[in-house]
């Protein structure tokens, strides 16, 4: 990681975001009614920079104009680094910890994921109440489960996204970077509903730093079926449209006071 640029940090803290969103592969989008008013590179913030396509290494400061006159200020992290790129867990946690230090308490994490259930199809969104962390060596017989948010909040988020497109489930975090074989997908299905290669370090960091969060796993493929990263990015373009339309509703469902923020 590079050293943090004091000017970039001052621009972020002066923005005083009402919330932040971390986007997974191919998911970066600006909410409907939003305008990008500033953009900071991850390098200027001292954050780890990924070389994986579909991650732009930019933090956008976005203003969403609302009819009630109370504009919503957001920090949108367009991409993330991954453990399989050689980054230590501390580096993966740093963006979330930095956002909390900058005053952000509301964090929406998004991930492109693979479905482990026949009833969860590509194009669906899984609101994750917990993460099964298979990225760390287990200390006991069972992998750790990281709590994200309560069942009631998850149900409210499903309603905000749309019940025809969303459901509640559990995210399984694996090391990657390879996609799962059919045998691995069958084994993983005993632990959760969707699988991906991120989120665990960010969930842990957010909870440790005092941030509140939700995790949306956007389903790009079926785990165990033949797929490529290009396929994930292609699916992500459609999922990003859904995010753009529903992000403000997601924030308001998770944090009702956002409706009055301004």
C-alpha atoms as a PDB file:
ATOM      1  CA  UNK A   1       0.000   0.000   0.000  1.00  0.00           C
ATOM      2  CA  UNK A   2       1.114   3.573  -0.610  1.00  0.00           C
ATOM      3  CA  UNK A   3       1.187   6.312   1.988  1.00  0.00           C
ATOM      4  CA  UNK A   4      -2.042   8.212   2.533  1.00  0.00           C
ATOM      5  CA  UNK A   5      -2.262  11.652   0.925  1.00  0.00           C
ATOM      6  CA  UNK A   6      -3.417  14.222   3.490  1.00  0.00           C
ATOM      7  CA  UNK A   7      -5.369  16.199   0.881  1.00  0.00           C
ATOM      8  CA  UNK A   8      -7.385  13.124  -0.174  1.00  0.00           C
ATOM      9  CA  UNK A   9      -8.129  12.274   3.460  1.00  0.00           C
ATOM     10  CA  UNK A  10      -9.310  15.851   4.126  1.00  0.00           C
ATOM     11  CA  UNK A  11     -11.626  15.733   1.102  1.00  0.00           C
ATOM     12  CA  UNK A  12     -13.163  12.496   2.359  1.00  0.00           C
ATOM     13  CA  UNK A  13     -13.688  13.681   5.937  1.00  0.00           C
ATOM     14  CA  UNK A  14     -15.025  17.071   4.784  1.00  0.00           C
ATOM     15  CA  UNK A  15     -17.629  15.261   2.658  1.00  0.00           C
ATOM     16  CA  UNK A  16     -19.183  13.780   5.828  1.00  0.00           C
ATOM     17  CA  UNK A  17     -20.885  10.853   4.064  1.00  0.00           C
ATOM     18  CA  UNK A  18     -24.193   9.601   5.385  1.00  0.00           C
ATOM     19  CA  UNK A  19     -23.127   6.122   4.275  1.00  0.00           C
ATOM     20  CA  UNK A  20     -20.668   4.151   2.178  1.00  0.00           C
ATOM     21  CA  UNK A  21     -20.996   1.314  -0.307  1.00  0.00           C
ATOM     22  CA  UNK A  22     -18.255  -1.156  -1.255  1.00  0.00           C
ATOM     23  CA  UNK A  23     -18.847  -2.649  -4.696  1.00  0.00           C
ATOM     24  CA  UNK A  24     -17.863  -6.142  -5.813  1.00  0.00           C
ATOM     25  CA  UNK A  25     -16.835  -7.321  -9.293  1.00  0.00           C
ATOM     26  CA  UNK A  26     -18.581  -5.333 -12.024  1.00  0.00           C
ATOM     27  CA  UNK A  27     -21.133  -3.868  -9.605  1.00  0.00           C
ATOM     28  CA  UNK A  28     -19.977  -0.255  -9.259  1.00  0.00           C
ATOM     29  CA  UNK A  29     -22.803   2.157 -10.031  1.00  0.00           C
ATOM     30  CA  UNK A  30     -24.151   5.569  -9.090  1.00  0.00           C
ATOM     31  CA  UNK A  31     -27.615   5.552  -7.481  1.00  0.00           C
ATOM     32  CA  UNK A  32     -30.473   7.053  -9.470  1.00  0.00           C
ATOM     33  CA  UNK A  33     -30.491  10.803  -8.949  1.00  0.00           C
ATOM     34  CA  UNK A  34     -26.841  10.767  -7.900  1.00  0.00           C
ATOM     35  CA  UNK A  35     -24.003  12.959  -9.149  1.00  0.00           C
ATOM     36  CA  UNK A  36     -20.288  12.280  -8.665  1.00  0.00           C
ATOM     37  CA  UNK A  37     -18.861  15.450  -7.097  1.00  0.00           C
ATOM     38  CA  UNK A  38     -15.353  14.208  -6.314  1.00  0.00           C
ATOM     39  CA  UNK A  39     -13.245  11.110  -6.893  1.00  0.00           C
ATOM     40  CA  UNK A  40     -10.267   9.843  -4.915  1.00  0.00           C
ATOM     41  CA  UNK A  41      -7.859   7.108  -5.971  1.00  0.00           C
ATOM     42  CA  UNK A  42      -7.234   4.219  -3.625  1.00  0.00           C
ATOM     43  CA  UNK A  43      -3.533   5.056  -3.872  1.00  0.00           C
ATOM     44  CA  UNK A  44      -4.164   8.540  -2.465  1.00  0.00           C
ATOM     45  CA  UNK A  45      -6.040   7.004   0.480  1.00  0.00           C
ATOM     46  CA  UNK A  46      -3.328   4.420   1.122  1.00  0.00           C
ATOM     47  CA  UNK A  47      -5.741   1.572   0.315  1.00  0.00           C
ATOM     48  CA  UNK A  48      -4.691  -1.661  -1.404  1.00  0.00           C
ATOM     49  CA  UNK A  49      -5.164  -1.608  -5.172  1.00  0.00           C
ATOM     50  CA  UNK A  50      -6.456  -4.645  -6.990  1.00  0.00           C
ATOM     51  CA  UNK A  51      -5.429  -5.700 -10.489  1.00  0.00           C
ATOM     52  CA  UNK A  52      -8.639  -7.720 -11.017  1.00  0.00           C
ATOM     53  CA  UNK A  53     -10.858  -6.430 -13.822  1.00  0.00           C
ATOM     54  CA  UNK A  54     -14.197  -4.998 -12.766  1.00  0.00           C
ATOM     55  CA  UNK A  55     -12.628  -3.155  -9.810  1.00  0.00           C
ATOM     56  CA  UNK A  56     -11.739   0.463 -10.545  1.00  0.00           C
ATOM     57  CA  UNK A  57      -9.729   1.441  -7.424  1.00  0.00           C
ATOM     58  CA  UNK A  58     -11.657   4.695  -7.032  1.00  0.00           C
ATOM     59  CA  UNK A  59     -13.698   6.196  -4.185  1.00  0.00           C
ATOM     60  CA  UNK A  60     -16.485   8.365  -5.568  1.00  0.00           C
ATOM     61  CA  UNK A  61     -18.118  11.049  -3.431  1.00  0.00           C
ATOM     62  CA  UNK A  62     -21.700  11.199  -4.645  1.00  0.00           C
ATOM     63  CA  UNK A  63     -24.607  13.508  -3.890  1.00  0.00           C
ATOM     64  CA  UNK A  64     -28.125  12.119  -4.335  1.00  0.00           C
ATOM     65  CA  UNK A  65     -30.733  14.832  -4.820  1.00  0.00           C
ATOM     66  CA  UNK A  66     -34.025  14.085  -3.079  1.00  0.00           C
ATOM     67  CA  UNK A  67     -37.493  15.591  -3.365  1.00  0.00           C
ATOM     68  CA  UNK A  68     -37.583  16.473   0.333  1.00  0.00           C
ATOM     69  CA  UNK A  69     -34.589  18.775  -0.120  1.00  0.00           C
ATOM     70  CA  UNK A  70     -32.361  16.649   2.123  1.00  0.00           C
ATOM     71  CA  UNK A  71     -29.511  15.550  -0.118  1.00  0.00           C
ATOM     72  CA  UNK A  72     -27.812  12.230   0.614  1.00  0.00           C
ATOM     73  CA  UNK A  73     -24.009  12.188   0.590  1.00  0.00           C
ATOM     74  CA  UNK A  74     -22.407   8.818  -0.133  1.00  0.00           C
ATOM     75  CA  UNK A  75     -18.894   7.414  -0.485  1.00  0.00           C
ATOM     76  CA  UNK A  76     -18.841   4.704  -3.144  1.00  0.00           C
ATOM     77  CA  UNK A  77     -15.829   2.376  -3.138  1.00  0.00           C
ATOM     78  CA  UNK A  78     -15.585   1.063  -6.703  1.00  0.00           C
ATOM     79  CA  UNK A  79     -13.889  -2.284  -6.143  1.00  0.00           C
ATOM     80  CA  UNK A  80     -11.830  -4.084  -3.529  1.00  0.00           C
ATOM     81  CA  UNK A  81      -8.588  -6.014  -3.156  1.00  0.00           C
ATOM     82  CA  UNK A  82      -8.630  -9.769  -2.439  1.00  0.00           C
ATOM     83  CA  UNK A  83      -6.640 -12.131  -0.280  1.00  0.00           C
ATOM     84  CA  UNK A  84      -5.751 -14.299  -3.266  1.00  0.00           C
ATOM     85  CA  UNK A  85      -3.793 -11.354  -4.703  1.00  0.00           C
ATOM     86  CA  UNK A  86      -1.342 -11.666  -1.827  1.00  0.00           C
ATOM     87  CA  UNK A  87      -2.758  -8.983   0.472  1.00  0.00           C
ATOM     88  CA  UNK A  88      -2.674  -9.573   4.210  1.00  0.00           C
ATOM     89  CA  UNK A  89      -5.920  -9.398   6.159  1.00  0.00           C
ATOM     90  CA  UNK A  90      -4.920  -6.060   7.711  1.00  0.00           C
ATOM     91  CA  UNK A  91      -4.726  -4.521   4.227  1.00  0.00           C
ATOM     92  CA  UNK A  92      -8.143  -5.917   3.262  1.00  0.00           C
ATOM     93  CA  UNK A  93      -9.638  -4.415   6.424  1.00  0.00           C
ATOM     94  CA  UNK A  94      -8.073  -0.981   5.978  1.00  0.00           C
ATOM     95  CA  UNK A  95     -10.653   0.611   3.611  1.00  0.00           C
ATOM     96  CA  UNK A  96     -13.533  -0.187   5.964  1.00  0.00           C
ATOM     97  CA  UNK A  97     -11.578   0.917   9.031  1.00  0.00           C
ATOM     98  CA  UNK A  98     -10.600   4.131   7.214  1.00  0.00           C
ATOM     99  CA  UNK A  99     -14.214   4.890   6.341  1.00  0.00           C
ATOM    100  CA  UNK A 100     -15.284   4.429   9.949  1.00  0.00           C
ATOM    101  CA  UNK A 101     -12.434   6.688  11.119  1.00  0.00           C
ATOM    102  CA  UNK A 102     -13.692   9.278   8.619  1.00  0.00           C
ATOM    103  CA  UNK A 103     -17.046   9.253  10.401  1.00  0.00           C
ATOM    104  CA  UNK A 104     -18.954   6.734   8.281  1.00  0.00           C
ATOM    105  CA  UNK A 105     -21.091   4.434  10.412  1.00  0.00           C
ATOM    106  CA  UNK A 106     -23.427   2.995   7.762  1.00  0.00           C
ATOM    107  CA  UNK A 107     -21.730   0.494   5.448  1.00  0.00           C
ATOM    108  CA  UNK A 108     -23.279  -1.493   2.602  1.00  0.00           C
ATOM    109  CA  UNK A 109     -21.031  -4.291   1.346  1.00  0.00           C
ATOM    110  CA  UNK A 110     -21.824  -5.846  -2.031  1.00  0.00           C
ATOM    111  CA  UNK A 111     -20.283  -8.952  -3.593  1.00  0.00           C
ATOM    112  CA  UNK A 112     -20.684 -10.871  -6.811  1.00  0.00           C
ATOM    113  CA  UNK A 113     -21.380 -14.445  -5.749  1.00  0.00           C
ATOM    114  CA  UNK A 114     -22.237 -17.949  -6.860  1.00  0.00           C
ATOM    115  CA  UNK A 115     -25.501 -19.637  -5.891  1.00  0.00           C
ATOM    116  CA  UNK A 116     -25.361 -22.814  -3.806  1.00  0.00           C
ATOM    117  CA  UNK A 117     -29.149 -23.354  -3.956  1.00  0.00           C
ATOM    118  CA  UNK A 118     -31.367 -24.399  -6.887  1.00  0.00           C
ATOM    119  CA  UNK A 119     -33.932 -21.786  -5.847  1.00  0.00           C
ATOM    120  CA  UNK A 120     -31.464 -18.891  -5.974  1.00  0.00           C
ATOM    121  CA  UNK A 121     -30.816 -17.943  -9.584  1.00  0.00           C
ATOM    122  CA  UNK A 122     -28.343 -15.581 -11.248  1.00  0.00           C
ATOM    123  CA  UNK A 123     -29.819 -12.098 -11.072  1.00  0.00           C
ATOM    124  CA  UNK A 124     -31.106 -12.629  -7.521  1.00  0.00           C
ATOM    125  CA  UNK A 125     -29.876 -10.769  -4.442  1.00  0.00           C
ATOM    126  CA  UNK A 126     -29.181 -12.540  -1.148  1.00  0.00           C
ATOM    127  CA  UNK A 127     -29.331 -10.323   1.939  1.00  0.00           C
ATOM    128  CA  UNK A 128     -26.808 -11.994   4.206  1.00  0.00           C
ATOM    129  CA  UNK A 129     -27.398 -12.173   7.937  1.00  0.00           C
ATOM    130  CA  UNK A 130     -24.081 -13.911   8.519  1.00  0.00           C
ATOM    131  CA  UNK A 131     -20.826 -14.897   6.858  1.00  0.00           C
ATOM    132  CA  UNK A 132     -19.174 -18.301   7.194  1.00  0.00           C
ATOM    133  CA  UNK A 133     -15.457 -17.510   7.144  1.00  0.00           C
ATOM    134  CA  UNK A 134     -13.452 -20.173   5.325  1.00  0.00           C
ATOM    135  CA  UNK A 135     -10.686 -17.688   4.553  1.00  0.00           C
ATOM    136  CA  UNK A 136      -9.109 -18.121   7.991  1.00  0.00           C
ATOM    137  CA  UNK A 137      -7.830 -21.450   9.337  1.00  0.00           C
ATOM    138  CA  UNK A 138     -10.551 -22.845  11.640  1.00  0.00           C
ATOM    139  CA  UNK A 139      -9.796 -23.034  15.347  1.00  0.00           C
ATOM    140  CA  UNK A 140     -12.291 -25.811  15.952  1.00  0.00           C
ATOM    141  CA  UNK A 141     -14.436 -28.306  14.127  1.00  0.00           C
ATOM    142  CA  UNK A 142     -16.687 -25.617  12.629  1.00  0.00           C
ATOM    143  CA  UNK A 143     -15.658 -22.472  10.711  1.00  0.00           C
ATOM    144  CA  UNK A 144     -16.436 -19.150  12.387  1.00  0.00           C
ATOM    145  CA  UNK A 145     -19.728 -17.439  11.603  1.00  0.00           C
ATOM    146  CA  UNK A 146     -19.663 -13.661  11.535  1.00  0.00           C
ATOM    147  CA  UNK A 147     -22.901 -11.864  12.310  1.00  0.00           C
ATOM    148  CA  UNK A 148     -23.852  -9.105   9.870  1.00  0.00           C
ATOM    149  CA  UNK A 149     -27.313  -7.910  10.884  1.00  0.00           C
ATOM    150  CA  UNK A 150     -30.476  -9.200  12.529  1.00  0.00           C
ATOM    151  CA  UNK A 151     -33.134 -11.329  10.893  1.00  0.00           C
ATOM    152  CA  UNK A 152     -35.665  -8.493  11.135  1.00  0.00           C
ATOM    153  CA  UNK A 153     -33.341  -6.077   9.350  1.00  0.00           C
ATOM    154  CA  UNK A 154     -32.626  -8.665   6.657  1.00  0.00           C
ATOM    155  CA  UNK A 155     -36.359  -9.110   6.050  1.00  0.00           C
ATOM    156  CA  UNK A 156     -36.795  -5.327   5.752  1.00  0.00           C
ATOM    157  CA  UNK A 157     -33.957  -5.193   3.235  1.00  0.00           C
ATOM    158  CA  UNK A 158     -35.538  -7.941   1.145  1.00  0.00           C
ATOM    159  CA  UNK A 159     -38.747  -5.878   1.023  1.00  0.00           C
ATOM    160  CA  UNK A 160     -36.777  -2.777  -0.009  1.00  0.00           C
ATOM    161  CA  UNK A 161     -35.072  -4.609  -2.879  1.00  0.00           C
ATOM    162  CA  UNK A 162     -38.188  -6.500  -3.937  1.00  0.00           C
ATOM    163  CA  UNK A 163     -39.317  -9.924  -2.790  1.00  0.00           C
ATOM    164  CA  UNK A 164     -39.311 -11.281  -6.345  1.00  0.00           C
ATOM    165  CA  UNK A 165     -35.571 -10.568  -6.633  1.00  0.00           C
ATOM    166  CA  UNK A 166     -34.245 -10.964  -3.090  1.00  0.00           C
ATOM    167  CA  UNK A 167     -34.100 -13.455  -0.236  1.00  0.00           C
ATOM    168  CA  UNK A 168     -32.311 -13.862   3.103  1.00  0.00           C
ATOM    169  CA  UNK A 169     -29.338 -16.208   3.329  1.00  0.00           C
ATOM    170  CA  UNK A 170     -25.786 -16.938   4.437  1.00  0.00           C
ATOM    171  CA  UNK A 171     -22.609 -16.028   2.554  1.00  0.00           C
ATOM    172  CA  UNK A 172     -19.656 -18.432   2.533  1.00  0.00           C
ATOM    173  CA  UNK A 173     -16.295 -16.688   2.106  1.00  0.00           C
ATOM    174  CA  UNK A 174     -13.619 -18.800   0.397  1.00  0.00           C
ATOM    175  CA  UNK A 175     -10.040 -18.027  -0.569  1.00  0.00           C
ATOM    176  CA  UNK A 176     -10.319 -18.313  -4.377  1.00  0.00           C
ATOM    177  CA  UNK A 177      -9.313 -17.376  -6.977  1.00  0.00           C
ATOM    178  CA  UNK A 178     -10.552 -20.498  -8.757  1.00  0.00           C
ATOM    179  CA  UNK A 179     -14.259 -21.180  -9.179  1.00  0.00           C
ATOM    180  CA  UNK A 180     -15.682 -24.120  -7.250  1.00  0.00           C
ATOM    181  CA  UNK A 181     -15.873 -27.614  -8.673  1.00  0.00           C
ATOM    182  CA  UNK A 182     -19.233 -29.431  -8.471  1.00  0.00           C
ATOM    183  CA  UNK A 183     -17.921 -31.450  -5.505  1.00  0.00           C
ATOM    184  CA  UNK A 184     -16.779 -28.311  -3.692  1.00  0.00           C
ATOM    185  CA  UNK A 185     -20.098 -26.596  -4.361  1.00  0.00           C
ATOM    186  CA  UNK A 186     -21.966 -29.562  -2.887  1.00  0.00           C
ATOM    187  CA  UNK A 187     -19.798 -29.444   0.240  1.00  0.00           C
ATOM    188  CA  UNK A 188     -20.174 -25.664   0.596  1.00  0.00           C
ATOM    189  CA  UNK A 189     -23.961 -25.921   0.343  1.00  0.00           C
ATOM    190  CA  UNK A 190     -23.947 -27.491   3.807  1.00  0.00           C
ATOM    191  CA  UNK A 191     -22.643 -24.180   5.166  1.00  0.00           C
ATOM    192  CA  UNK A 192     -24.518 -21.471   3.273  1.00  0.00           C
ATOM    193  CA  UNK A 193     -26.581 -20.239   0.359  1.00  0.00           C
ATOM    194  CA  UNK A 194     -24.072 -18.257  -1.736  1.00  0.00           C
ATOM    195  CA  UNK A 195     -20.291 -18.312  -2.040  1.00  0.00           C
ATOM    196  CA  UNK A 196     -17.705 -15.661  -2.859  1.00  0.00           C
ATOM    197  CA  UNK A 197     -14.095 -14.609  -2.395  1.00  0.00           C
ATOM    198  CA  UNK A 198     -14.456 -11.516  -0.219  1.00  0.00           C
ATOM    199  CA  UNK A 199     -16.450  -9.874   2.601  1.00  0.00           C
ATOM    200  CA  UNK A 200     -15.160 -11.737   5.680  1.00  0.00           C
ATOM    201  CA  UNK A 201     -12.324  -9.316   6.486  1.00  0.00           C
ATOM    202  CA  UNK A 202     -14.577  -6.312   5.852  1.00  0.00           C
ATOM    203  CA  UNK A 203     -17.365  -7.638   8.083  1.00  0.00           C
ATOM    204  CA  UNK A 204     -14.899  -8.325  10.866  1.00  0.00           C
ATOM    205  CA  UNK A 205     -13.303  -4.884  10.496  1.00  0.00           C
ATOM    206  CA  UNK A 206     -16.627  -3.029  10.432  1.00  0.00           C
ATOM    207  CA  UNK A 207     -17.891  -4.698  13.584  1.00  0.00           C
ATOM    208  CA  UNK A 208     -14.577  -4.217  15.380  1.00  0.00           C
ATOM    209  CA  UNK A 209     -14.368  -0.530  14.391  1.00  0.00           C
ATOM    210  CA  UNK A 210     -17.927   0.251  15.443  1.00  0.00           C
ATOM    211  CA  UNK A 211     -19.594   0.477  12.030  1.00  0.00           C
ATOM    212  CA  UNK A 212     -23.062  -0.823  11.219  1.00  0.00           C
ATOM    213  CA  UNK A 213     -23.461  -2.806   8.040  1.00  0.00           C
ATOM    214  CA  UNK A 214     -25.429  -4.936   5.661  1.00  0.00           C
ATOM    215  CA  UNK A 215     -24.148  -7.383   3.058  1.00  0.00           C
ATOM    216  CA  UNK A 216     -25.772  -7.908  -0.331  1.00  0.00           C
ATOM    217  CA  UNK A 217     -24.555 -10.925  -2.304  1.00  0.00           C
ATOM    218  CA  UNK A 218     -25.583 -10.412  -5.913  1.00  0.00           C
ATOM    219  CA  UNK A 219     -25.765 -13.749  -7.685  1.00  0.00           C
ATOM    220  CA  UNK A 220     -23.770 -13.816 -10.921  1.00  0.00           C
ATOM    221  CA  UNK A 221     -23.478 -17.581 -11.543  1.00  0.00           C
ATOM    222  CA  UNK A 222     -24.259 -21.022 -10.174  1.00  0.00           C
ATOM    223  CA  UNK A 223     -21.445 -22.407  -8.074  1.00  0.00           C
ATOM    224  CA  UNK A 224     -20.020 -25.624  -9.518  1.00  0.00           C
ATOM    225  CA  UNK A 225     -21.106 -24.826 -13.077  1.00  0.00           C
ATOM    226  CA  UNK A 226     -18.591 -23.775 -15.697  1.00  0.00           C
ATOM    227  CA  UNK A 227     -17.963 -20.025 -15.444  1.00  0.00           C
ATOM    228  CA  UNK A 228     -15.292 -17.377 -15.933  1.00  0.00           C
ATOM    229  CA  UNK A 229     -14.582 -13.942 -14.490  1.00  0.00           C
ATOM    230  CA  UNK A 230     -15.823 -12.448 -17.763  1.00  0.00           C
ATOM    231  CA  UNK A 231     -19.146 -14.201 -17.173  1.00  0.00           C
ATOM    232  CA  UNK A 232     -19.315 -12.658 -13.695  1.00  0.00           C
ATOM    233  CA  UNK A 233     -18.640  -9.188 -15.097  1.00  0.00           C
ATOM    234  CA  UNK A 234     -21.305  -9.625 -17.762  1.00  0.00           C
ATOM    235  CA  UNK A 235     -23.846 -10.611 -15.107  1.00  0.00           C
ATOM    236  CA  UNK A 236     -22.658  -7.734 -12.921  1.00  0.00           C
ATOM    237  CA  UNK A 237     -23.673  -5.136 -15.492  1.00  0.00           C
ATOM    238  CA  UNK A 238     -27.303  -6.160 -15.094  1.00  0.00           C
ATOM    239  CA  UNK A 239     -27.050  -6.438 -11.330  1.00  0.00           C
ATOM    240  CA  UNK A 240     -25.550  -2.933 -11.178  1.00  0.00           C
ATOM    241  CA  UNK A 241     -28.740  -1.588 -12.757  1.00  0.00           C
ATOM    242  CA  UNK A 242     -30.729  -3.159  -9.918  1.00  0.00           C
ATOM    243  CA  UNK A 243     -28.348  -1.640  -7.346  1.00  0.00           C
ATOM    244  CA  UNK A 244     -28.619   1.824  -8.886  1.00  0.00           C
ATOM    245  CA  UNK A 245     -32.397   1.670  -8.587  1.00  0.00           C
ATOM    246  CA  UNK A 246     -32.559   0.269  -5.043  1.00  0.00           C
ATOM    247  CA  UNK A 247     -29.522   1.591  -3.152  1.00  0.00           C
ATOM    248  CA  UNK A 248     -31.316   4.516  -1.541  1.00  0.00           C
ATOM    249  CA  UNK A 249     -34.169   2.231  -0.478  1.00  0.00           C
ATOM    250  CA  UNK A 250     -31.635  -0.235   0.967  1.00  0.00           C
ATOM    251  CA  UNK A 251     -30.006   2.489   3.058  1.00  0.00           C
ATOM    252  CA  UNK A 252     -33.358   3.717   4.329  1.00  0.00           C
ATOM    253  CA  UNK A 253     -34.524   0.192   5.188  1.00  0.00           C
ATOM    254  CA  UNK A 254     -31.357  -0.609   7.137  1.00  0.00           C
ATOM    255  CA  UNK A 255     -31.116   2.833   8.743  1.00  0.00           C
ATOM    256  CA  UNK A 256     -34.507   4.610   8.854  1.00  0.00           C
ATOM    257  CA  UNK A 257     -32.900   7.877   9.970  1.00  0.00           C
ATOM    258  CA  UNK A 258     -31.356   8.138   6.489  1.00  0.00           C
ATOM    259  CA  UNK A 259     -34.753   9.375   5.277  1.00  0.00           C
ATOM    260  CA  UNK A 260     -34.222  12.556   7.295  1.00  0.00           C
ATOM    261  CA  UNK A 261     -30.491  12.925   6.632  1.00  0.00           C
ATOM    262  CA  UNK A 262     -29.343  16.076   4.930  1.00  0.00           C
END
